Amino acid sequence: MIENLKSVAVFAKVAETGSFTAAAKALKLSAPVVSQHISQLEARLDTALVYRSTRSLSLTDAGQRFAIHARRMLDAMEDGFEELADETESPKGTLSVALPALILDSAFMDGLAEYVRRYPDIQLRLSFDDAVKDLVKEGYDLAIRGGVLEDSTLKARKLLQGELLPVGSPGLLEALGPISQPSDLEADHIPWIGAQSMNRKLAFRRIGGGNEVQHIVHKNKIVVDNSLGALKLIERGVGIGYAPRFYLQNHREPGLLAPVLPDWVTEPVGIYAVWPANSGSRSLSRHFVSFISEEFLPNLPQSYQGT
């Protein structure tokens, strides 16, 4: 088993570097030893993993699939070693975190403040906006994101989930007239405000309505890149848009926003912490996520946990 693990590590490096020679150099092994490990692994799996030629090397279909599993396994092992090492050390260093703008007006700020107080040797670099950042390219160690995760190269941990509610100012809702079901929201006269990414099909379910679901598609008449800015416009009566349930229930100025369809909510939306698998600040990222998920989130009001 131990020899298999070593061969898996060698194969992962071959897949990463694209050659036996480069893998051998990175692992401080000879090229023949690297080739031997690959041959042993192929014999163990009873399938070819690598196409070999005098000029090039490429992975077979099976090799491409196995490379994904190998990388995940090695990352998990490395995370385990680092996590145990972290427990014996006081965390310190710089952590860059990208956060959605709506966090600025929520109880999550209390969690951030507590983290800063408790761990003064960690320097945080925080960005509050809704752009989906390329974490590696833009130099971020960690991001908090909602919705569907599309980048499979990132490691992720689900923090919580909740529903989105269409909301508007009471005055605007009265002026728009009756809206009784989600399909009414597709009408051209509805002034939607939101991000460009919200121009997609959304599923609504009736609260307490069993399996009744409706799907709608709408276009935003005012497009924003900041969810908090959108809600401030909605409060001023110029359109309707989506707000998380927790925002509506914990709003500091009740009466500015009202649900458009009190008996309907979107299907639950997940909120995740994501970070690059090979980030140099993986241990700090895990430390931050563990604090948020294990020490802060359990003490939040029930409205943050969905229905």
C-alpha atoms as a PDB file:
ATOM      1  CA  MET A   1       0.000   0.000   0.000  1.00  0.00           C
ATOM      2  CA  ILE A   2       2.796   2.425   0.930  1.00  0.00           C
ATOM      3  CA  GLU A   3       4.599   1.686  -2.340  1.00  0.00           C
ATOM      4  CA  ASN A   4       1.334   2.312  -4.216  1.00  0.00           C
ATOM      5  CA  LEU A   5       1.054   5.735  -2.559  1.00  0.00           C
ATOM      6  CA  LYS A   6       4.566   6.623  -3.661  1.00  0.00           C
ATOM      7  CA  SER A   7       3.767   5.536  -7.213  1.00  0.00           C
ATOM      8  CA  VAL A   8       0.574   7.611  -7.151  1.00  0.00           C
ATOM      9  CA  ALA A   9       2.597  10.657  -6.077  1.00  0.00           C
ATOM     10  CA  VAL A  10       5.078  10.057  -8.892  1.00  0.00           C
ATOM     11  CA  PHE A  11       2.254   9.674 -11.429  1.00  0.00           C
ATOM     12  CA  ALA A  12       0.619  12.902 -10.228  1.00  0.00           C
ATOM     13  CA  LYS A  13       3.887  14.750 -10.786  1.00  0.00           C
ATOM     14  CA  VAL A  14       4.261  13.210 -14.270  1.00  0.00           C
ATOM     15  CA  ALA A  15       0.706  14.331 -15.106  1.00  0.00           C
ATOM     16  CA  GLU A  16       1.473  17.811 -13.781  1.00  0.00           C
ATOM     17  CA  THR A  17       4.817  18.301 -15.552  1.00  0.00           C
ATOM     18  CA  GLY A  18       4.095  16.374 -18.742  1.00  0.00           C
ATOM     19  CA  SER A  19       7.329  14.381 -18.813  1.00  0.00           C
ATOM     20  CA  PHE A  20       9.289  11.761 -16.918  1.00  0.00           C
ATOM     21  CA  THR A  21      12.393  13.957 -16.946  1.00  0.00           C
ATOM     22  CA  ALA A  22      10.669  16.997 -15.438  1.00  0.00           C
ATOM     23  CA  ALA A  23       8.916  14.848 -12.843  1.00  0.00           C
ATOM     24  CA  ALA A  24      12.205  13.155 -11.947  1.00  0.00           C
ATOM     25  CA  LYS A  25      13.888  16.533 -11.493  1.00  0.00           C
ATOM     26  CA  ALA A  26      11.060  17.848  -9.297  1.00  0.00           C
ATOM     27  CA  LEU A  27      11.041  14.703  -7.150  1.00  0.00           C
ATOM     28  CA  LYS A  28      14.852  14.350  -7.080  1.00  0.00           C
ATOM     29  CA  LEU A  29      14.644  10.881  -8.635  1.00  0.00           C
ATOM     30  CA  SER A  30      16.159   9.406 -11.774  1.00  0.00           C
ATOM     31  CA  ALA A  31      14.016   9.159 -14.913  1.00  0.00           C
ATOM     32  CA  PRO A  32      14.246   5.323 -14.929  1.00  0.00           C
ATOM     33  CA  VAL A  33      12.931   5.203 -11.350  1.00  0.00           C
ATOM     34  CA  VAL A  34      10.010   7.438 -12.344  1.00  0.00           C
ATOM     35  CA  SER A  35       9.281   5.176 -15.318  1.00  0.00           C
ATOM     36  CA  GLN A  36       9.414   2.141 -13.042  1.00  0.00           C
ATOM     37  CA  HIS A  37       6.839   3.652 -10.667  1.00  0.00           C
ATOM     38  CA  ILE A  38       4.482   4.348 -13.569  1.00  0.00           C
ATOM     39  CA  SER A  39       4.869   0.805 -14.876  1.00  0.00           C
ATOM     40  CA  GLN A  40       4.180  -0.631 -11.417  1.00  0.00           C
ATOM     41  CA  LEU A  41       1.074   1.524 -11.064  1.00  0.00           C
ATOM     42  CA  GLU A  42      -0.207   0.500 -14.496  1.00  0.00           C
ATOM     43  CA  ALA A  43       0.320  -3.155 -13.574  1.00  0.00           C
ATOM     44  CA  ARG A  44      -1.519  -2.624 -10.282  1.00  0.00           C
ATOM     45  CA  LEU A  45      -4.457  -0.968 -12.079  1.00  0.00           C
ATOM     46  CA  ASP A  46      -4.262  -3.305 -15.073  1.00  0.00           C
ATOM     47  CA  THR A  47      -4.578  -0.404 -17.510  1.00  0.00           C
ATOM     48  CA  ALA A  48      -2.322   1.992 -19.405  1.00  0.00           C
ATOM     49  CA  LEU A  49      -2.078   5.469 -17.885  1.00  0.00           C
ATOM     50  CA  VAL A  50       0.506   7.045 -20.181  1.00  0.00           C
ATOM     51  CA  TYR A  51       1.161   7.070 -23.922  1.00  0.00           C
ATOM     52  CA  ARG A  52       4.937   6.916 -24.375  1.00  0.00           C
ATOM     53  CA  SER A  53       6.986   7.901 -27.400  1.00  0.00           C
ATOM     54  CA  THR A  54      10.553   9.044 -27.962  1.00  0.00           C
ATOM     55  CA  ARG A  55       9.438  12.660 -28.346  1.00  0.00           C
ATOM     56  CA  SER A  56       6.354  13.126 -26.217  1.00  0.00           C
ATOM     57  CA  LEU A  57       4.232  11.844 -23.378  1.00  0.00           C
ATOM     58  CA  SER A  58       0.476  12.101 -22.922  1.00  0.00           C
ATOM     59  CA  LEU A  59      -2.137  10.606 -20.647  1.00  0.00           C
ATOM     60  CA  THR A  60      -4.615   7.993 -21.774  1.00  0.00           C
ATOM     61  CA  ASP A  61      -8.303   8.532 -21.003  1.00  0.00           C
ATOM     62  CA  ALA A  62      -7.866   6.343 -17.929  1.00  0.00           C
ATOM     63  CA  GLY A  63      -4.739   8.300 -17.016  1.00  0.00           C
ATOM     64  CA  GLN A  64      -6.592  11.605 -17.210  1.00  0.00           C
ATOM     65  CA  ARG A  65      -9.319  10.319 -14.913  1.00  0.00           C
ATOM     66  CA  PHE A  66      -6.876   8.775 -12.470  1.00  0.00           C
ATOM     67  CA  ALA A  67      -4.799  11.975 -12.383  1.00  0.00           C
ATOM     68  CA  ILE A  68      -7.806  13.823 -10.947  1.00  0.00           C
ATOM     69  CA  HIS A  69      -8.252  11.233  -8.192  1.00  0.00           C
ATOM     70  CA  ALA A  70      -4.513  11.153  -7.504  1.00  0.00           C
ATOM     71  CA  ARG A  71      -4.349  14.918  -7.088  1.00  0.00           C
ATOM     72  CA  ARG A  72      -7.355  14.949  -4.755  1.00  0.00           C
ATOM     73  CA  MET A  73      -5.900  12.147  -2.643  1.00  0.00           C
ATOM     74  CA  LEU A  74      -2.510  13.832  -2.327  1.00  0.00           C
ATOM     75  CA  ASP A  75      -4.133  17.188  -1.522  1.00  0.00           C
ATOM     76  CA  ALA A  76      -6.214  15.517   1.203  1.00  0.00           C
ATOM     77  CA  MET A  77      -3.114  13.902   2.713  1.00  0.00           C
ATOM     78  CA  GLU A  78      -1.213  17.176   2.609  1.00  0.00           C
ATOM     79  CA  ASP A  79      -4.155  18.986   4.191  1.00  0.00           C
ATOM     80  CA  GLY A  80      -4.181  16.416   6.991  1.00  0.00           C
ATOM     81  CA  PHE A  81      -0.485  16.900   7.741  1.00  0.00           C
ATOM     82  CA  GLU A  82      -0.822  20.683   7.638  1.00  0.00           C
ATOM     83  CA  GLU A  83      -3.961  20.710   9.788  1.00  0.00           C
ATOM     84  CA  LEU A  84      -2.286  18.729  12.567  1.00  0.00           C
ATOM     85  CA  ALA A  85       0.783  20.945  12.333  1.00  0.00           C
ATOM     86  CA  ASP A  86      -1.434  24.047  12.538  1.00  0.00           C
ATOM     87  CA  GLU A  87      -2.842  22.910  15.886  1.00  0.00           C
ATOM     88  CA  THR A  88       0.579  23.228  17.501  1.00  0.00           C
ATOM     89  CA  GLU A  89       1.338  26.683  16.106  1.00  0.00           C
ATOM     90  CA  SER A  90      -0.169  30.111  16.667  1.00  0.00           C
ATOM     91  CA  PRO A  91      -1.566  31.222  13.287  1.00  0.00           C
ATOM     92  CA  LYS A  92       0.157  34.169  11.662  1.00  0.00           C
ATOM     93  CA  GLY A  93       0.656  35.617   8.226  1.00  0.00           C
ATOM     94  CA  THR A  94      -1.396  37.445   5.588  1.00  0.00           C
ATOM     95  CA  LEU A  95      -4.749  36.170   4.319  1.00  0.00           C
ATOM     96  CA  SER A  96      -6.514  37.740   1.328  1.00  0.00           C
ATOM     97  CA  VAL A  97     -10.271  37.142   1.280  1.00  0.00           C
ATOM     98  CA  ALA A  98     -12.870  38.110  -1.351  1.00  0.00           C
ATOM     99  CA  LEU A  99     -16.333  38.580   0.157  1.00  0.00           C
ATOM    100  CA  PRO A 100     -19.757  39.464  -1.292  1.00  0.00           C
ATOM    101  CA  ALA A 101     -20.816  43.056  -0.690  1.00  0.00           C
ATOM    102  CA  LEU A 102     -23.955  42.062   1.212  1.00  0.00           C
ATOM    103  CA  ILE A 103     -21.781  40.825   4.083  1.00  0.00           C
ATOM    104  CA  LEU A 104     -21.147  44.498   4.916  1.00  0.00           C
ATOM    105  CA  ASP A 105     -24.725  44.792   6.185  1.00  0.00           C
ATOM    106  CA  SER A 106     -25.003  41.489   8.051  1.00  0.00           C
ATOM    107  CA  ALA A 107     -23.984  39.695  11.225  1.00  0.00           C
ATOM    108  CA  PHE A 108     -21.035  38.199   9.355  1.00  0.00           C
ATOM    109  CA  MET A 109     -19.170  41.418  10.131  1.00  0.00           C
ATOM    110  CA  ASP A 110     -19.351  40.482  13.822  1.00  0.00           C
ATOM    111  CA  GLY A 111     -17.582  37.233  12.977  1.00  0.00           C
ATOM    112  CA  LEU A 112     -14.864  39.063  11.058  1.00  0.00           C
ATOM    113  CA  ALA A 113     -14.362  41.485  13.936  1.00  0.00           C
ATOM    114  CA  GLU A 114     -14.076  38.629  16.435  1.00  0.00           C
ATOM    115  CA  TYR A 115     -11.547  36.855  14.202  1.00  0.00           C
ATOM    116  CA  VAL A 116      -9.398  40.000  14.050  1.00  0.00           C
ATOM    117  CA  ARG A 117      -9.520  40.410  17.832  1.00  0.00           C
ATOM    118  CA  ARG A 118      -8.742  36.769  18.541  1.00  0.00           C
ATOM    119  CA  TYR A 119      -5.887  36.365  16.044  1.00  0.00           C
ATOM    120  CA  PRO A 120      -3.908  39.621  15.987  1.00  0.00           C
ATOM    121  CA  ASP A 121      -0.946  38.000  14.193  1.00  0.00           C
ATOM    122  CA  ILE A 122      -3.057  37.384  11.065  1.00  0.00           C
ATOM    123  CA  GLN A 123      -3.170  40.319   8.675  1.00  0.00           C
ATOM    124  CA  LEU A 124      -6.405  40.298   6.660  1.00  0.00           C
ATOM    125  CA  ARG A 125      -6.742  41.837   3.203  1.00  0.00           C
ATOM    126  CA  LEU A 126     -10.469  42.020   2.484  1.00  0.00           C
ATOM    127  CA  SER A 127     -12.355  42.826  -0.712  1.00  0.00           C
ATOM    128  CA  PHE A 128     -16.120  43.397  -0.581  1.00  0.00           C
ATOM    129  CA  ASP A 129     -17.733  43.085  -4.005  1.00  0.00           C
ATOM    130  CA  ASP A 130     -19.735  40.570  -6.011  1.00  0.00           C
ATOM    131  CA  ALA A 131     -17.333  39.960  -8.895  1.00  0.00           C
ATOM    132  CA  VAL A 132     -16.382  36.301  -9.355  1.00  0.00           C
ATOM    133  CA  LYS A 133     -12.637  36.659  -9.025  1.00  0.00           C
ATOM    134  CA  ASP A 134      -9.914  34.477 -10.473  1.00  0.00           C
ATOM    135  CA  LEU A 135      -8.391  33.749  -7.079  1.00  0.00           C
ATOM    136  CA  VAL A 136      -4.992  32.628  -8.346  1.00  0.00           C
ATOM    137  CA  LYS A 137      -4.604  35.354 -10.978  1.00  0.00           C
ATOM    138  CA  GLU A 138      -5.795  38.141  -8.677  1.00  0.00           C
ATOM    139  CA  GLY A 139      -3.878  36.967  -5.629  1.00  0.00           C
ATOM    140  CA  TYR A 140      -6.690  35.913  -3.291  1.00  0.00           C
ATOM    141  CA  ASP A 141      -6.325  33.028  -0.866  1.00  0.00           C
ATOM    142  CA  LEU A 142     -10.023  32.529  -0.169  1.00  0.00           C
ATOM    143  CA  ALA A 143     -13.473  33.647  -1.311  1.00  0.00           C
ATOM    144  CA  ILE A 144     -17.012  33.372   0.006  1.00  0.00           C
ATOM    145  CA  ARG A 145     -19.430  32.667  -2.862  1.00  0.00           C
ATOM    146  CA  GLY A 146     -23.083  31.860  -3.272  1.00  0.00           C
ATOM    147  CA  GLY A 147     -24.836  29.761  -5.883  1.00  0.00           C
ATOM    148  CA  VAL A 148     -23.473  27.083  -8.186  1.00  0.00           C
ATOM    149  CA  LEU A 149     -19.723  26.473  -8.037  1.00  0.00           C
ATOM    150  CA  GLU A 150     -18.354  26.280 -11.570  1.00  0.00           C
ATOM    151  CA  ASP A 151     -14.580  26.060 -10.988  1.00  0.00           C
ATOM    152  CA  SER A 152     -13.771  22.429 -10.181  1.00  0.00           C
ATOM    153  CA  THR A 153     -10.114  23.264  -9.476  1.00  0.00           C
ATOM    154  CA  LEU A 154     -11.044  25.022  -6.226  1.00  0.00           C
ATOM    155  CA  LYS A 155     -11.458  23.349  -2.881  1.00  0.00           C
ATOM    156  CA  ALA A 156     -14.799  24.180  -1.268  1.00  0.00           C
ATOM    157  CA  ARG A 157     -16.617  23.928   2.040  1.00  0.00           C
ATOM    158  CA  LYS A 158     -20.322  24.639   2.354  1.00  0.00           C
ATOM    159  CA  LEU A 159     -20.997  27.140   5.119  1.00  0.00           C
ATOM    160  CA  LEU A 160     -24.782  27.415   5.010  1.00  0.00           C
ATOM    161  CA  GLN A 161     -27.706  27.701   2.651  1.00  0.00           C
ATOM    162  CA  GLY A 162     -30.759  29.886   2.407  1.00  0.00           C
ATOM    163  CA  GLU A 163     -33.415  31.199   0.088  1.00  0.00           C
ATOM    164  CA  LEU A 164     -33.653  34.363  -1.970  1.00  0.00           C
ATOM    165  CA  LEU A 165     -36.853  36.394  -1.869  1.00  0.00           C
ATOM    166  CA  PRO A 166     -37.966  38.954  -4.473  1.00  0.00           C
ATOM    167  CA  VAL A 167     -38.426  42.230  -2.585  1.00  0.00           C
ATOM    168  CA  GLY A 168     -39.451  45.812  -3.259  1.00  0.00           C
ATOM    169  CA  SER A 169     -40.507  48.948  -1.444  1.00  0.00           C
ATOM    170  CA  PRO A 170     -44.135  48.915  -0.218  1.00  0.00           C
ATOM    171  CA  GLY A 171     -44.919  51.960  -2.371  1.00  0.00           C
ATOM    172  CA  LEU A 172     -43.610  50.395  -5.575  1.00  0.00           C
ATOM    173  CA  LEU A 173     -45.387  47.098  -4.933  1.00  0.00           C
ATOM    174  CA  GLU A 174     -48.673  48.950  -4.517  1.00  0.00           C
ATOM    175  CA  ALA A 175     -48.077  50.825  -7.788  1.00  0.00           C
ATOM    176  CA  LEU A 176     -47.250  47.623  -9.701  1.00  0.00           C
ATOM    177  CA  GLY A 177     -50.543  46.008  -8.796  1.00  0.00           C
ATOM    178  CA  PRO A 178     -51.278  42.381  -7.902  1.00  0.00           C
ATOM    179  CA  ILE A 179     -48.421  39.864  -8.155  1.00  0.00           C
ATOM    180  CA  SER A 180     -49.698  36.494  -7.020  1.00  0.00           C
ATOM    181  CA  GLN A 181     -47.297  33.916  -8.470  1.00  0.00           C
ATOM    182  CA  PRO A 182     -43.716  33.760  -9.801  1.00  0.00           C
ATOM    183  CA  SER A 183     -44.759  33.823 -13.467  1.00  0.00           C
ATOM    184  CA  ASP A 184     -46.169  37.336 -12.897  1.00  0.00           C
ATOM    185  CA  LEU A 185     -42.580  38.506 -12.358  1.00  0.00           C
ATOM    186  CA  GLU A 186     -41.727  37.878 -16.028  1.00  0.00           C
ATOM    187  CA  ALA A 187     -43.953  40.752 -17.191  1.00  0.00           C
ATOM    188  CA  ASP A 188     -42.154  43.502 -19.126  1.00  0.00           C
ATOM    189  CA  HIS A 189     -43.335  46.269 -16.790  1.00  0.00           C
ATOM    190  CA  ILE A 190     -41.559  44.765 -13.760  1.00  0.00           C
ATOM    191  CA  PRO A 191     -38.422  46.923 -13.123  1.00  0.00           C
ATOM    192  CA  TRP A 192     -35.855  44.338 -12.047  1.00  0.00           C
ATOM    193  CA  ILE A 193     -32.563  45.401 -10.450  1.00  0.00           C
ATOM    194  CA  GLY A 194     -29.693  42.946 -10.111  1.00  0.00           C
ATOM    195  CA  ALA A 195     -26.476  41.435 -11.364  1.00  0.00           C
ATOM    196  CA  GLN A 196     -26.097  40.319 -14.954  1.00  0.00           C
ATOM    197  CA  SER A 197     -25.666  36.760 -13.649  1.00  0.00           C
ATOM    198  CA  MET A 198     -29.257  36.799 -12.394  1.00  0.00           C
ATOM    199  CA  ASN A 199     -30.570  36.821 -15.995  1.00  0.00           C
ATOM    200  CA  ARG A 200     -31.159  33.092 -15.806  1.00  0.00           C
ATOM    201  CA  LYS A 201     -33.855  30.601 -14.978  1.00  0.00           C
ATOM    202  CA  LEU A 202     -34.719  30.473 -11.279  1.00  0.00           C
ATOM    203  CA  ALA A 203     -36.850  27.886  -9.520  1.00  0.00           C
ATOM    204  CA  PHE A 204     -39.432  29.032  -6.983  1.00  0.00           C
ATOM    205  CA  ARG A 205     -41.226  26.782  -4.532  1.00  0.00           C
ATOM    206  CA  ARG A 206     -44.351  27.549  -2.561  1.00  0.00           C
ATOM    207  CA  ILE A 207     -43.746  27.560   1.200  1.00  0.00           C
ATOM    208  CA  GLY A 208     -45.643  24.618   2.638  1.00  0.00           C
ATOM    209  CA  GLY A 209     -46.859  23.770  -0.860  1.00  0.00           C
ATOM    210  CA  GLY A 210     -45.397  20.320  -1.210  1.00  0.00           C
ATOM    211  CA  ASN A 211     -43.629  19.835  -4.529  1.00  0.00           C
ATOM    212  CA  GLU A 212     -45.126  22.833  -6.354  1.00  0.00           C
ATOM    213  CA  VAL A 213     -42.316  24.576  -8.252  1.00  0.00           C
ATOM    214  CA  GLN A 214     -42.357  27.335 -10.884  1.00  0.00           C
ATOM    215  CA  HIS A 215     -39.441  28.407 -13.087  1.00  0.00           C
ATOM    216  CA  ILE A 216     -39.067  31.977 -14.337  1.00  0.00           C
ATOM    217  CA  VAL A 217     -36.645  33.972 -16.478  1.00  0.00           C
ATOM    218  CA  HIS A 218     -36.429  37.759 -16.355  1.00  0.00           C
ATOM    219  CA  LYS A 219     -34.112  40.533 -17.526  1.00  0.00           C
ATOM    220  CA  ASN A 220     -32.692  43.196 -15.256  1.00  0.00           C
ATOM    221  CA  LYS A 221     -33.518  46.739 -16.334  1.00  0.00           C
ATOM    222  CA  ILE A 222     -30.847  48.093 -13.993  1.00  0.00           C
ATOM    223  CA  VAL A 223     -27.672  45.996 -13.887  1.00  0.00           C
ATOM    224  CA  VAL A 224     -25.339  46.348 -10.909  1.00  0.00           C
ATOM    225  CA  ASP A 225     -22.150  44.639  -9.770  1.00  0.00           C
ATOM    226  CA  ASN A 226     -22.833  45.143  -6.068  1.00  0.00           C
ATOM    227  CA  SER A 227     -25.719  43.432  -4.273  1.00  0.00           C
ATOM    228  CA  LEU A 228     -25.763  45.923  -1.411  1.00  0.00           C
ATOM    229  CA  GLY A 229     -25.998  48.812  -3.867  1.00  0.00           C
ATOM    230  CA  ALA A 230     -28.892  47.055  -5.605  1.00  0.00           C
ATOM    231  CA  LEU A 231     -30.799  46.708  -2.338  1.00  0.00           C
ATOM    232  CA  LYS A 232     -30.256  50.375  -1.501  1.00  0.00           C
ATOM    233  CA  LEU A 233     -31.853  51.288  -4.845  1.00  0.00           C
ATOM    234  CA  ILE A 234     -34.690  48.845  -4.208  1.00  0.00           C
ATOM    235  CA  GLU A 235     -35.321  50.456  -0.816  1.00  0.00           C
ATOM    236  CA  ARG A 236     -35.769  53.768  -2.632  1.00  0.00           C
ATOM    237  CA  GLY A 237     -38.561  52.396  -4.778  1.00  0.00           C
ATOM    238  CA  VAL A 238     -36.987  52.254  -8.234  1.00  0.00           C
ATOM    239  CA  GLY A 239     -37.231  48.503  -8.772  1.00  0.00           C
ATOM    240  CA  ILE A 240     -37.474  45.026  -7.306  1.00  0.00           C
ATOM    241  CA  GLY A 241     -34.739  42.444  -6.809  1.00  0.00           C
ATOM    242  CA  TYR A 242     -33.570  39.543  -4.708  1.00  0.00           C
ATOM    243  CA  ALA A 243     -32.583  39.599  -1.053  1.00  0.00           C
ATOM    244  CA  PRO A 244     -31.530  36.703   1.157  1.00  0.00           C
ATOM    245  CA  ARG A 245     -34.101  35.832   3.790  1.00  0.00           C
ATOM    246  CA  PHE A 246     -31.679  36.759   6.572  1.00  0.00           C
ATOM    247  CA  TYR A 247     -31.272  40.274   5.148  1.00  0.00           C
ATOM    248  CA  LEU A 248     -35.009  40.863   5.149  1.00  0.00           C
ATOM    249  CA  GLN A 249     -35.597  39.415   8.621  1.00  0.00           C
ATOM    250  CA  ASN A 250     -32.642  41.195  10.230  1.00  0.00           C
ATOM    251  CA  HIS A 251     -32.976  44.503   8.419  1.00  0.00           C
ATOM    252  CA  ARG A 252     -32.145  47.427  10.669  1.00  0.00           C
ATOM    253  CA  GLU A 253     -34.855  49.656   9.194  1.00  0.00           C
ATOM    254  CA  PRO A 254     -38.071  47.618   9.000  1.00  0.00           C
ATOM    255  CA  GLY A 255     -40.664  48.821   6.518  1.00  0.00           C
ATOM    256  CA  LEU A 256     -38.280  49.784   3.715  1.00  0.00           C
ATOM    257  CA  LEU A 257     -38.514  46.380   2.029  1.00  0.00           C
ATOM    258  CA  ALA A 258     -41.385  43.951   1.641  1.00  0.00           C
ATOM    259  CA  PRO A 259     -41.542  40.499   0.041  1.00  0.00           C
ATOM    260  CA  VAL A 260     -43.178  40.514  -3.380  1.00  0.00           C
ATOM    261  CA  LEU A 261     -44.456  36.939  -2.975  1.00  0.00           C
ATOM    262  CA  PRO A 262     -44.646  36.118   0.756  1.00  0.00           C
ATOM    263  CA  ASP A 263     -45.641  32.508   0.054  1.00  0.00           C
ATOM    264  CA  TRP A 264     -42.810  31.750  -2.397  1.00  0.00           C
ATOM    265  CA  VAL A 265     -39.017  31.459  -2.140  1.00  0.00           C
ATOM    266  CA  THR A 266     -36.288  30.361  -4.507  1.00  0.00           C
ATOM    267  CA  GLU A 267     -34.854  26.893  -4.180  1.00  0.00           C
ATOM    268  CA  PRO A 268     -32.117  26.917  -1.496  1.00  0.00           C
ATOM    269  CA  VAL A 269     -28.873  28.597  -2.518  1.00  0.00           C
ATOM    270  CA  GLY A 270     -25.607  27.351  -1.030  1.00  0.00           C
ATOM    271  CA  ILE A 271     -22.950  29.681   0.362  1.00  0.00           C
ATOM    272  CA  TYR A 272     -19.419  28.290   0.163  1.00  0.00           C
ATOM    273  CA  ALA A 273     -15.874  29.068   1.157  1.00  0.00           C
ATOM    274  CA  VAL A 274     -13.564  28.296  -1.780  1.00  0.00           C
ATOM    275  CA  TRP A 275      -9.792  28.405  -2.098  1.00  0.00           C
ATOM    276  CA  PRO A 276      -7.102  27.243  -4.549  1.00  0.00           C
ATOM    277  CA  ALA A 277      -5.858  23.737  -3.805  1.00  0.00           C
ATOM    278  CA  ASN A 278      -2.231  24.785  -4.197  1.00  0.00           C
ATOM    279  CA  SER A 279      -2.402  28.135  -2.405  1.00  0.00           C
ATOM    280  CA  GLY A 280       0.577  29.003  -0.245  1.00  0.00           C
ATOM    281  CA  SER A 281      -1.862  30.132   2.462  1.00  0.00           C
ATOM    282  CA  ARG A 282      -3.907  26.925   2.599  1.00  0.00           C
ATOM    283  CA  SER A 283      -3.387  26.539   6.339  1.00  0.00           C
ATOM    284  CA  LEU A 284      -4.619  30.086   7.041  1.00  0.00           C
ATOM    285  CA  SER A 285      -7.570  29.558   4.693  1.00  0.00           C
ATOM    286  CA  ARG A 286      -8.554  26.396   6.554  1.00  0.00           C
ATOM    287  CA  HIS A 287      -8.100  28.187   9.870  1.00  0.00           C
ATOM    288  CA  PHE A 288     -10.387  31.044   8.810  1.00  0.00           C
ATOM    289  CA  VAL A 289     -13.044  28.710   7.402  1.00  0.00           C
ATOM    290  CA  SER A 290     -12.964  26.506  10.515  1.00  0.00           C
ATOM    291  CA  PHE A 291     -13.490  29.541  12.737  1.00  0.00           C
ATOM    292  CA  ILE A 292     -16.411  30.815  10.666  1.00  0.00           C
ATOM    293  CA  SER A 293     -18.145  27.444  10.278  1.00  0.00           C
ATOM    294  CA  GLU A 294     -17.483  25.914  13.695  1.00  0.00           C
ATOM    295  CA  GLU A 295     -17.363  28.857  16.102  1.00  0.00           C
ATOM    296  CA  PHE A 296     -19.344  31.677  14.500  1.00  0.00           C
ATOM    297  CA  LEU A 297     -22.100  30.283  12.272  1.00  0.00           C
ATOM    298  CA  PRO A 298     -23.672  27.996  14.928  1.00  0.00           C
ATOM    299  CA  ASN A 299     -24.440  31.102  17.015  1.00  0.00           C
ATOM    300  CA  LEU A 300     -26.200  33.016  14.230  1.00  0.00           C
ATOM    301  CA  PRO A 301     -29.974  33.597  14.338  1.00  0.00           C
ATOM    302  CA  GLN A 302     -32.074  30.863  12.726  1.00  0.00           C
ATOM    303  CA  SER A 303     -32.930  33.221   9.856  1.00  0.00           C
ATOM    304  CA  TYR A 304     -29.384  32.776   8.530  1.00  0.00           C
ATOM    305  CA  GLN A 305     -29.839  29.027   8.249  1.00  0.00           C
ATOM    306  CA  GLY A 306     -32.769  29.004   5.824  1.00  0.00           C
ATOM    307  CA  THR A 307     -36.236  27.634   6.492  1.00  0.00           C
END
